Amino acid sequence: PVLEEGRERELIEEHAAQDKIILIKEGRPVSLEVSTGLGA
């Protein structure tokens, strides 16, 4: 399934170019210093 339209998708698409894992917490993005789930 595709992630539905909404605030979370907008935030992810806005920050996806950082190529980092992004957590959405209370509608706010938090970037981690890793890009892959391998070993994370």
PDB file of all heavy atoms in Angstrom:
ATOM      1  N   PRO A   1       0.824  -1.217   0.000  1.00  0.00           N
ATOM      2  CA  PRO A   1       0.000   0.000   0.000  1.00  0.00           C
ATOM      3  C   PRO A   1       0.854   1.262   0.000  1.00  0.00           C
ATOM      4  O   PRO A   1       1.920   1.305   0.611  1.00  0.00           O
ATOM      5  CB  PRO A   1      -0.791  -0.121   1.311  1.00  0.00           C
ATOM      6  CG  PRO A   1      -0.739  -1.561   1.683  1.00  0.00           C
ATOM      7  CD  PRO A   1       0.562  -2.069   1.164  1.00  0.00           C
ATOM      8  N   VAL A   2       0.371   2.263  -0.689  1.00  0.00           N
ATOM      9  CA  VAL A   2       1.040   3.558  -0.746  1.00  0.00           C
ATOM     10  C   VAL A   2       0.629   4.379   0.472  1.00  0.00           C
ATOM     11  O   VAL A   2      -0.537   4.351   0.896  1.00  0.00           O
ATOM     12  CB  VAL A   2       0.656   4.301  -2.048  1.00  0.00           C
ATOM     13  CG1 VAL A   2       1.187   5.721  -2.047  1.00  0.00           C
ATOM     14  CG2 VAL A   2       1.179   3.534  -3.250  1.00  0.00           C
ATOM     15  N   LEU A   3       1.576   5.095   1.048  1.00  0.00           N
ATOM     16  CA  LEU A   3       1.274   5.960   2.185  1.00  0.00           C
ATOM     17  C   LEU A   3       0.264   7.024   1.754  1.00  0.00           C
ATOM     18  O   LEU A   3       0.461   7.719   0.767  1.00  0.00           O
ATOM     19  CB  LEU A   3       2.553   6.627   2.702  1.00  0.00           C
ATOM     20  CG  LEU A   3       2.389   7.563   3.911  1.00  0.00           C
ATOM     21  CD1 LEU A   3       1.945   6.772   5.142  1.00  0.00           C
ATOM     22  CD2 LEU A   3       3.686   8.309   4.195  1.00  0.00           C
ATOM     23  N   GLU A   4      -0.803   7.123   2.516  1.00  0.00           N
ATOM     24  CA  GLU A   4      -1.871   8.038   2.164  1.00  0.00           C
ATOM     25  C   GLU A   4      -1.411   9.495   2.239  1.00  0.00           C
ATOM     26  O   GLU A   4      -0.460   9.834   2.928  1.00  0.00           O
ATOM     27  CB  GLU A   4      -3.083   7.839   3.089  1.00  0.00           C
ATOM     28  CG  GLU A   4      -2.817   8.082   4.559  1.00  0.00           C
ATOM     29  CD  GLU A   4      -2.244   6.878   5.293  1.00  0.00           C
ATOM     30  OE1 GLU A   4      -1.921   5.858   4.623  1.00  0.00           O
ATOM     31  OE2 GLU A   4      -2.100   6.960   6.528  1.00  0.00           O
ATOM     32  N   GLU A   5      -2.119  10.331   1.487  1.00  0.00           N
ATOM     33  CA  GLU A   5      -1.823  11.757   1.512  1.00  0.00           C
ATOM     34  C   GLU A   5      -2.101  12.317   2.901  1.00  0.00           C
ATOM     35  O   GLU A   5      -3.013  11.880   3.585  1.00  0.00           O
ATOM     36  CB  GLU A   5      -2.676  12.496   0.477  1.00  0.00           C
ATOM     37  CG  GLU A   5      -2.417  12.097  -0.966  1.00  0.00           C
ATOM     38  CD  GLU A   5      -1.025  12.481  -1.438  1.00  0.00           C
ATOM     39  OE1 GLU A   5      -0.463  13.453  -0.892  1.00  0.00           O
ATOM     40  OE2 GLU A   5      -0.514  11.826  -2.358  1.00  0.00           O
ATOM     41  N   GLY A   6      -1.291  13.299   3.306  1.00  0.00           N
ATOM     42  CA  GLY A   6      -1.472  13.895   4.624  1.00  0.00           C
ATOM     43  C   GLY A   6      -0.193  14.545   5.100  1.00  0.00           C
ATOM     44  O   GLY A   6       0.823  14.588   4.377  1.00  0.00           O
ATOM     45  N   ARG A   7      -0.218  15.052   6.315  1.00  0.00           N
ATOM     46  CA  ARG A   7       0.913  15.768   6.870  1.00  0.00           C
ATOM     47  C   ARG A   7       2.161  14.904   6.938  1.00  0.00           C
ATOM     48  O   ARG A   7       3.271  15.364   6.613  1.00  0.00           O
ATOM     49  CB  ARG A   7       0.552  16.278   8.276  1.00  0.00           C
ATOM     50  CG  ARG A   7       1.669  17.008   9.013  1.00  0.00           C
ATOM     51  CD  ARG A   7       2.105  18.252   8.278  1.00  0.00           C
ATOM     52  NE  ARG A   7       3.105  18.998   9.030  1.00  0.00           N
ATOM     53  CZ  ARG A   7       3.881  19.945   8.513  1.00  0.00           C
ATOM     54  NH1 ARG A   7       3.759  20.260   7.225  1.00  0.00           N
ATOM     55  NH2 ARG A   7       4.761  20.583   9.236  1.00  0.00           N
ATOM     56  N   GLU A   8       2.026  13.636   7.333  1.00  0.00           N
ATOM     57  CA  GLU A   8       3.190  12.757   7.476  1.00  0.00           C
ATOM     58  C   GLU A   8       3.872  12.536   6.133  1.00  0.00           C
ATOM     59  O   GLU A   8       5.105  12.584   6.033  1.00  0.00           O
ATOM     60  CB  GLU A   8       2.779  11.410   8.093  1.00  0.00           C
ATOM     61  CG  GLU A   8       2.382  11.482   9.553  1.00  0.00           C
ATOM     62  CD  GLU A   8       0.966  11.999   9.751  1.00  0.00           C
ATOM     63  OE1 GLU A   8       0.234  12.111   8.737  1.00  0.00           O
ATOM     64  OE2 GLU A   8       0.592  12.296  10.900  1.00  0.00           O
ATOM     65  N   ARG A   9       3.072  12.293   5.098  1.00  0.00           N
ATOM     66  CA  ARG A   9       3.668  12.096   3.768  1.00  0.00           C
ATOM     67  C   ARG A   9       4.347  13.373   3.288  1.00  0.00           C
ATOM     68  O   ARG A   9       5.439  13.318   2.698  1.00  0.00           O
ATOM     69  CB  ARG A   9       2.601  11.653   2.773  1.00  0.00           C
ATOM     70  CG  ARG A   9       3.189  11.364   1.386  1.00  0.00           C
ATOM     71  CD  ARG A   9       2.162  10.910   0.383  1.00  0.00           C
ATOM     72  NE  ARG A   9       2.807  10.711  -0.912  1.00  0.00           N
ATOM     73  CZ  ARG A   9       3.028   9.541  -1.491  1.00  0.00           C
ATOM     74  NH1 ARG A   9       2.654   8.424  -0.879  1.00  0.00           N
ATOM     75  NH2 ARG A   9       3.629   9.450  -2.658  1.00  0.00           N
ATOM     76  N   GLU A  10       3.728  14.505   3.520  1.00  0.00           N
ATOM     77  CA  GLU A  10       4.323  15.776   3.109  1.00  0.00           C
ATOM     78  C   GLU A  10       5.682  15.982   3.774  1.00  0.00           C
ATOM     79  O   GLU A  10       6.651  16.415   3.127  1.00  0.00           O
ATOM     80  CB  GLU A  10       3.381  16.925   3.467  1.00  0.00           C
ATOM     81  CG  GLU A  10       2.124  16.987   2.620  1.00  0.00           C
ATOM     82  CD  GLU A  10       1.172  18.061   3.087  1.00  0.00           C
ATOM     83  OE1 GLU A  10       1.530  18.779   4.060  1.00  0.00           O
ATOM     84  OE2 GLU A  10       0.084  18.197   2.503  1.00  0.00           O
ATOM     85  N   LEU A  11       5.769  15.668   5.060  1.00  0.00           N
ATOM     86  CA  LEU A  11       7.029  15.839   5.790  1.00  0.00           C
ATOM     87  C   LEU A  11       8.104  14.896   5.258  1.00  0.00           C
ATOM     88  O   LEU A  11       9.263  15.285   5.092  1.00  0.00           O
ATOM     89  CB  LEU A  11       6.808  15.593   7.285  1.00  0.00           C
ATOM     90  CG  LEU A  11       6.052  16.681   8.052  1.00  0.00           C
ATOM     91  CD1 LEU A  11       5.710  16.194   9.454  1.00  0.00           C
ATOM     92  CD2 LEU A  11       6.881  17.959   8.114  1.00  0.00           C
ATOM     93  N   ILE A  12       7.724  13.660   4.993  1.00  0.00           N
ATOM     94  CA  ILE A  12       8.691  12.678   4.489  1.00  0.00           C
ATOM     95  C   ILE A  12       9.195  13.090   3.113  1.00  0.00           C
ATOM     96  O   ILE A  12      10.405  13.073   2.843  1.00  0.00           O
ATOM     97  CB  ILE A  12       8.057  11.276   4.454  1.00  0.00           C
ATOM     98  CG1 ILE A  12       7.878  10.756   5.889  1.00  0.00           C
ATOM     99  CG2 ILE A  12       8.924  10.309   3.644  1.00  0.00           C
ATOM    100  CD1 ILE A  12       7.085   9.472   5.982  1.00  0.00           C
ATOM    101  N   GLU A  13       8.293  13.481   2.219  1.00  0.00           N
ATOM    102  CA  GLU A  13       8.702  13.888   0.873  1.00  0.00           C
ATOM    103  C   GLU A  13       9.561  15.149   0.920  1.00  0.00           C
ATOM    104  O   GLU A  13      10.506  15.298   0.140  1.00  0.00           O
ATOM    105  CB  GLU A  13       7.463  14.119   0.010  1.00  0.00           C
ATOM    106  CG  GLU A  13       6.724  12.839  -0.338  1.00  0.00           C
ATOM    107  CD  GLU A  13       5.493  13.073  -1.181  1.00  0.00           C
ATOM    108  OE1 GLU A  13       4.900  14.162  -1.078  1.00  0.00           O
ATOM    109  OE2 GLU A  13       5.119  12.167  -1.952  1.00  0.00           O
ATOM    110  N   GLU A  14       9.272  16.025   1.864  1.00  0.00           N
ATOM    111  CA  GLU A  14      10.024  17.269   1.990  1.00  0.00           C
ATOM    112  C   GLU A  14      11.459  17.024   2.429  1.00  0.00           C
ATOM    113  O   GLU A  14      12.383  17.729   2.019  1.00  0.00           O
ATOM    114  CB  GLU A  14       9.327  18.178   3.001  1.00  0.00           C
ATOM    115  CG  GLU A  14       9.974  19.543   3.190  1.00  0.00           C
ATOM    116  CD  GLU A  14       9.237  20.391   4.207  1.00  0.00           C
ATOM    117  OE1 GLU A  14       8.046  20.110   4.461  1.00  0.00           O
ATOM    118  OE2 GLU A  14       9.848  21.330   4.758  1.00  0.00           O
ATOM    119  N   HIS A  15      11.672  15.985   3.271  1.00  0.00           N
ATOM    120  CA  HIS A  15      13.002  15.732   3.835  1.00  0.00           C
ATOM    121  C   HIS A  15      13.688  14.503   3.250  1.00  0.00           C
ATOM    122  O   HIS A  15      14.799  14.169   3.655  1.00  0.00           O
ATOM    123  CB  HIS A  15      12.895  15.562   5.362  1.00  0.00           C
ATOM    124  CG  HIS A  15      12.477  16.813   6.084  1.00  0.00           C
ATOM    125  ND1 HIS A  15      11.154  17.180   6.215  1.00  0.00           N
ATOM    126  CD2 HIS A  15      13.209  17.784   6.683  1.00  0.00           C
ATOM    127  CE1 HIS A  15      11.079  18.311   6.877  1.00  0.00           C
ATOM    128  NE2 HIS A  15      12.306  18.705   7.174  1.00  0.00           N
ATOM    129  N   ALA A  16      13.041  13.815   2.289  1.00  0.00           N
ATOM    130  CA  ALA A  16      13.593  12.572   1.741  1.00  0.00           C
ATOM    131  C   ALA A  16      14.941  12.772   1.073  1.00  0.00           C
ATOM    132  O   ALA A  16      15.793  11.872   1.067  1.00  0.00           O
ATOM    133  CB  ALA A  16      12.605  11.948   0.756  1.00  0.00           C
ATOM    134  N   ALA A  17      15.173  13.963   0.493  1.00  0.00           N
ATOM    135  CA  ALA A  17      16.423  14.230  -0.212  1.00  0.00           C
ATOM    136  C   ALA A  17      17.631  14.211   0.717  1.00  0.00           C
ATOM    137  O   ALA A  17      18.769  14.099   0.258  1.00  0.00           O
ATOM    138  CB  ALA A  17      16.341  15.575  -0.924  1.00  0.00           C
ATOM    139  N   GLN A  18      17.415  14.297   2.034  1.00  0.00           N
ATOM    140  CA  GLN A  18      18.525  14.225   2.986  1.00  0.00           C
ATOM    141  C   GLN A  18      19.180  12.851   2.984  1.00  0.00           C
ATOM    142  O   GLN A  18      20.305  12.684   3.438  1.00  0.00           O
ATOM    143  CB  GLN A  18      18.026  14.537   4.402  1.00  0.00           C
ATOM    144  CG  GLN A  18      17.497  15.928   4.599  1.00  0.00           C
ATOM    145  CD  GLN A  18      16.990  16.147   6.023  1.00  0.00           C
ATOM    146  OE1 GLN A  18      17.166  15.286   6.897  1.00  0.00           O
ATOM    147  NE2 GLN A  18      16.374  17.287   6.258  1.00  0.00           N
ATOM    148  N   ASP A  19      18.435  11.850   2.477  1.00  0.00           N
ATOM    149  CA  ASP A  19      18.917  10.469   2.434  1.00  0.00           C
ATOM    150  C   ASP A  19      19.273   9.971   3.836  1.00  0.00           C
ATOM    151  O   ASP A  19      20.282   9.295   4.032  1.00  0.00           O
ATOM    152  CB  ASP A  19      20.123  10.346   1.499  1.00  0.00           C
ATOM    153  CG  ASP A  19      20.307   8.917   1.007  1.00  0.00           C
ATOM    154  OD1 ASP A  19      19.295   8.219   0.832  1.00  0.00           O
ATOM    155  OD2 ASP A  19      21.459   8.490   0.817  1.00  0.00           O
ATOM    156  N   LYS A  20      18.436  10.302   4.791  1.00  0.00           N
ATOM    157  CA  LYS A  20      18.614   9.862   6.182  1.00  0.00           C
ATOM    158  C   LYS A  20      17.308   9.284   6.704  1.00  0.00           C
ATOM    159  O   LYS A  20      16.221   9.646   6.238  1.00  0.00           O
ATOM    160  CB  LYS A  20      19.040  11.042   7.061  1.00  0.00           C
ATOM    161  CG  LYS A  20      20.401  11.622   6.723  1.00  0.00           C
ATOM    162  CD  LYS A  20      20.729  12.797   7.625  1.00  0.00           C
ATOM    163  CE  LYS A  20      22.093  13.392   7.280  1.00  0.00           C
ATOM    164  NZ  LYS A  20      22.409  14.570   8.128  1.00  0.00           N
ATOM    165  N   ILE A  21      17.417   8.379   7.679  1.00  0.00           N
ATOM    166  CA  ILE A  21      16.222   7.870   8.336  1.00  0.00           C
ATOM    167  C   ILE A  21      15.531   9.023   9.053  1.00  0.00           C
ATOM    168  O   ILE A  21      16.164   9.804   9.756  1.00  0.00           O
ATOM    169  CB  ILE A  21      16.572   6.740   9.315  1.00  0.00           C
ATOM    170  CG1 ILE A  21      17.047   5.497   8.540  1.00  0.00           C
ATOM    171  CG2 ILE A  21      15.367   6.388  10.194  1.00  0.00           C
ATOM    172  CD1 ILE A  21      17.438   4.325   9.421  1.00  0.00           C
ATOM    173  N   ILE A  22      14.225   9.111   8.844  1.00  0.00           N
ATOM    174  CA  ILE A  22      13.446  10.194   9.440  1.00  0.00           C
ATOM    175  C   ILE A  22      12.332   9.611  10.300  1.00  0.00           C
ATOM    176  O   ILE A  22      11.569   8.751   9.837  1.00  0.00           O
ATOM    177  CB  ILE A  22      12.835  11.100   8.358  1.00  0.00           C
ATOM    178  CG1 ILE A  22      13.936  11.736   7.506  1.00  0.00           C
ATOM    179  CG2 ILE A  22      11.957  12.192   8.987  1.00  0.00           C
ATOM    180  CD1 ILE A  22      13.412  12.435   6.273  1.00  0.00           C
ATOM    181  N   LEU A  23      12.245  10.054  11.541  1.00  0.00           N
ATOM    182  CA  LEU A  23      11.146   9.696  12.432  1.00  0.00           C
ATOM    183  C   LEU A  23      10.158  10.850  12.486  1.00  0.00           C
ATOM    184  O   LEU A  23      10.571  12.005  12.559  1.00  0.00           O
ATOM    185  CB  LEU A  23      11.645   9.391  13.850  1.00  0.00           C
ATOM    186  CG  LEU A  23      12.277   8.010  14.105  1.00  0.00           C
ATOM    187  CD1 LEU A  23      13.558   7.814  13.317  1.00  0.00           C
ATOM    188  CD2 LEU A  23      12.528   7.802  15.591  1.00  0.00           C
ATOM    189  N   ILE A  24       8.882  10.541  12.408  1.00  0.00           N
ATOM    190  CA  ILE A  24       7.849  11.557  12.571  1.00  0.00           C
ATOM    191  C   ILE A  24       7.301  11.443  13.986  1.00  0.00           C
ATOM    192  O   ILE A  24       6.726  10.418  14.362  1.00  0.00           O
ATOM    193  CB  ILE A  24       6.712  11.401  11.545  1.00  0.00           C
ATOM    194  CG1 ILE A  24       7.279  11.390  10.127  1.00  0.00           C
ATOM    195  CG2 ILE A  24       5.683  12.519  11.716  1.00  0.00           C
ATOM    196  CD1 ILE A  24       7.970  12.656   9.708  1.00  0.00           C
ATOM    197  N   LYS A  25       7.503  12.494  14.784  1.00  0.00           N
ATOM    198  CA  LYS A  25       7.040  12.512  16.173  1.00  0.00           C
ATOM    199  C   LYS A  25       6.131  13.718  16.384  1.00  0.00           C
ATOM    200  O   LYS A  25       6.562  14.861  16.198  1.00  0.00           O
ATOM    201  CB  LYS A  25       8.233  12.590  17.131  1.00  0.00           C
ATOM    202  CG  LYS A  25       9.192  11.415  17.036  1.00  0.00           C
ATOM    203  CD  LYS A  25      10.237  11.464  18.151  1.00  0.00           C
ATOM    204  CE  LYS A  25      11.178  10.279  18.083  1.00  0.00           C
ATOM    205  NZ  LYS A  25      12.075  10.183  19.260  1.00  0.00           N
ATOM    206  N   GLU A  26       4.903  13.445  16.728  1.00  0.00           N
ATOM    207  CA  GLU A  26       3.916  14.514  16.936  1.00  0.00           C
ATOM    208  C   GLU A  26       3.875  15.484  15.752  1.00  0.00           C
ATOM    209  O   GLU A  26       3.786  16.694  15.924  1.00  0.00           O
ATOM    210  CB  GLU A  26       4.223  15.287  18.231  1.00  0.00           C
ATOM    211  CG  GLU A  26       3.936  14.501  19.500  1.00  0.00           C
ATOM    212  CD  GLU A  26       4.015  15.380  20.729  1.00  0.00           C
ATOM    213  OE1 GLU A  26       5.052  16.060  20.902  1.00  0.00           O
ATOM    214  OE2 GLU A  26       3.063  15.404  21.506  1.00  0.00           O
ATOM    215  N   GLY A  27       3.953  14.919  14.544  1.00  0.00           N
ATOM    216  CA  GLY A  27       3.868  15.752  13.357  1.00  0.00           C
ATOM    217  C   GLY A  27       5.117  16.534  13.038  1.00  0.00           C
ATOM    218  O   GLY A  27       5.079  17.458  12.219  1.00  0.00           O
ATOM    219  N   ARG A  28       6.241  16.159  13.652  1.00  0.00           N
ATOM    220  CA  ARG A  28       7.515  16.844  13.391  1.00  0.00           C
ATOM    221  C   ARG A  28       8.571  15.827  12.973  1.00  0.00           C
ATOM    222  O   ARG A  28       8.657  14.736  13.542  1.00  0.00           O
ATOM    223  CB  ARG A  28       7.986  17.606  14.634  1.00  0.00           C
ATOM    224  CG  ARG A  28       7.102  18.778  15.007  1.00  0.00           C
ATOM    225  CD  ARG A  28       7.774  19.662  16.052  1.00  0.00           C
ATOM    226  NE  ARG A  28       8.041  18.938  17.273  1.00  0.00           N
ATOM    227  CZ  ARG A  28       7.171  18.851  18.293  1.00  0.00           C
ATOM    228  NH1 ARG A  28       5.994  19.436  18.213  1.00  0.00           N
ATOM    229  NH2 ARG A  28       7.500  18.181  19.377  1.00  0.00           N
ATOM    230  N   PRO A  29       9.438  16.177  11.988  1.00  0.00           N
ATOM    231  CA  PRO A  29      10.469  15.237  11.531  1.00  0.00           C
ATOM    232  C   PRO A  29      11.708  15.279  12.426  1.00  0.00           C
ATOM    233  O   PRO A  29      12.148  16.349  12.843  1.00  0.00           O
ATOM    234  CB  PRO A  29      10.802  15.755  10.129  1.00  0.00           C
ATOM    235  CG  PRO A  29      10.549  17.224  10.208  1.00  0.00           C
ATOM    236  CD  PRO A  29       9.399  17.403  11.172  1.00  0.00           C
ATOM    237  N   VAL A  30      12.265  14.100  12.679  1.00  0.00           N
ATOM    238  CA  VAL A  30      13.519  13.969  13.421  1.00  0.00           C
ATOM    239  C   VAL A  30      14.456  13.116  12.576  1.00  0.00           C
ATOM    240  O   VAL A  30      14.175  11.942  12.318  1.00  0.00           O
ATOM    241  CB  VAL A  30      13.314  13.323  14.807  1.00  0.00           C
ATOM    242  CG1 VAL A  30      14.654  13.152  15.517  1.00  0.00           C
ATOM    243  CG2 VAL A  30      12.355  14.147  15.649  1.00  0.00           C
ATOM    244  N   SER A  31      15.571  13.682  12.117  1.00  0.00           N
ATOM    245  CA  SER A  31      16.507  12.963  11.245  1.00  0.00           C
ATOM    246  C   SER A  31      17.587  12.262  12.057  1.00  0.00           C
ATOM    247  O   SER A  31      18.118  12.822  13.022  1.00  0.00           O
ATOM    248  CB  SER A  31      17.158  13.939  10.258  1.00  0.00           C
ATOM    249  OG  SER A  31      16.197  14.537   9.433  1.00  0.00           O
ATOM    250  N   LEU A  32      17.906  11.029  11.653  1.00  0.00           N
ATOM    251  CA  LEU A  32      19.016  10.287  12.246  1.00  0.00           C
ATOM    252  C   LEU A  32      20.199  10.333  11.283  1.00  0.00           C
ATOM    253  O   LEU A  32      20.036  10.575  10.089  1.00  0.00           O
ATOM    254  CB  LEU A  32      18.608   8.841  12.524  1.00  0.00           C
ATOM    255  CG  LEU A  32      17.343   8.625  13.374  1.00  0.00           C
ATOM    256  CD1 LEU A  32      17.124   7.134  13.612  1.00  0.00           C
ATOM    257  CD2 LEU A  32      17.429   9.371  14.690  1.00  0.00           C
ATOM    258  N   GLU A  33      21.369  10.065  11.781  1.00  0.00           N
ATOM    259  CA  GLU A  33      22.576  10.154  10.948  1.00  0.00           C
ATOM    260  C   GLU A  33      22.895   8.832  10.232  1.00  0.00           C
ATOM    261  O   GLU A  33      24.050   8.465  10.077  1.00  0.00           O
ATOM    262  CB  GLU A  33      23.771  10.587  11.809  1.00  0.00           C
ATOM    263  CG  GLU A  33      23.675  12.018  12.302  1.00  0.00           C
ATOM    264  CD  GLU A  33      23.534  13.014  11.159  1.00  0.00           C
ATOM    265  OE1 GLU A  33      24.262  12.880  10.166  1.00  0.00           O
ATOM    266  OE2 GLU A  33      22.686  13.919  11.271  1.00  0.00           O
ATOM    267  N   VAL A  34      21.871   8.110   9.817  1.00  0.00           N
ATOM    268  CA  VAL A  34      22.041   6.877   9.044  1.00  0.00           C
ATOM    269  C   VAL A  34      21.017   6.891   7.916  1.00  0.00           C
ATOM    270  O   VAL A  34      19.943   7.482   8.030  1.00  0.00           O
ATOM    271  CB  VAL A  34      21.862   5.611   9.910  1.00  0.00           C
ATOM    272  CG1 VAL A  34      23.022   5.445  10.876  1.00  0.00           C
ATOM    273  CG2 VAL A  34      20.545   5.658  10.684  1.00  0.00           C
ATOM    274  N   SER A  35      21.339   6.241   6.806  1.00  0.00           N
ATOM    275  CA  SER A  35      20.447   6.248   5.646  1.00  0.00           C
ATOM    276  C   SER A  35      19.811   4.898   5.374  1.00  0.00           C
ATOM    277  O   SER A  35      18.826   4.806   4.637  1.00  0.00           O
ATOM    278  CB  SER A  35      21.217   6.694   4.397  1.00  0.00           C
ATOM    279  OG  SER A  35      22.258   5.783   4.112  1.00  0.00           O
ATOM    280  N   THR A  36      20.368   3.839   5.943  1.00  0.00           N
ATOM    281  CA  THR A  36      19.877   2.496   5.679  1.00  0.00           C
ATOM    282  C   THR A  36      19.466   1.810   6.972  1.00  0.00           C
ATOM    283  O   THR A  36      19.971   2.142   8.048  1.00  0.00           O
ATOM    284  CB  THR A  36      20.951   1.652   4.966  1.00  0.00           C
ATOM    285  OG1 THR A  36      20.489   0.313   4.831  1.00  0.00           O
ATOM    286  CG2 THR A  36      22.244   1.641   5.752  1.00  0.00           C
ATOM    287  N   GLY A  37      18.539   0.864   6.831  1.00  0.00           N
ATOM    288  CA  GLY A  37      18.122   0.105   8.004  1.00  0.00           C
ATOM    289  C   GLY A  37      19.110  -0.985   8.375  1.00  0.00           C
ATOM    290  O   GLY A  37      18.992  -1.608   9.434  1.00  0.00           O
ATOM    291  N   LEU A  38      20.103  -1.212   7.523  1.00  0.00           N
ATOM    292  CA  LEU A  38      21.079  -2.279   7.758  1.00  0.00           C
ATOM    293  C   LEU A  38      21.818  -2.051   9.077  1.00  0.00           C
ATOM    294  O   LEU A  38      22.565  -1.089   9.223  1.00  0.00           O
ATOM    295  CB  LEU A  38      22.076  -2.336   6.601  1.00  0.00           C
ATOM    296  CG  LEU A  38      23.076  -3.488   6.593  1.00  0.00           C
ATOM    297  CD1 LEU A  38      22.347  -4.810   6.447  1.00  0.00           C
ATOM    298  CD2 LEU A  38      24.077  -3.315   5.460  1.00  0.00           C
ATOM    299  N   GLY A  39      21.578  -2.910  10.042  1.00  0.00           N
ATOM    300  CA  GLY A  39      22.248  -2.818  11.341  1.00  0.00           C
ATOM    301  C   GLY A  39      21.764  -1.695  12.227  1.00  0.00           C
ATOM    302  O   GLY A  39      22.387  -1.394  13.250  1.00  0.00           O
ATOM    303  N   ALA A  40      20.645  -1.059  11.858  1.00  0.00           N
ATOM    304  CA  ALA A  40      20.173   0.106  12.618  1.00  0.00           C
ATOM    305  C   ALA A  40      19.083  -0.236  13.621  1.00  0.00           C
ATOM    306  O   ALA A  40      18.475   0.659  14.204  1.00  0.00           O
ATOM    307  CB  ALA A  40      19.661   1.177  11.653  1.00  0.00           C
TER     308      ALA A  40
END
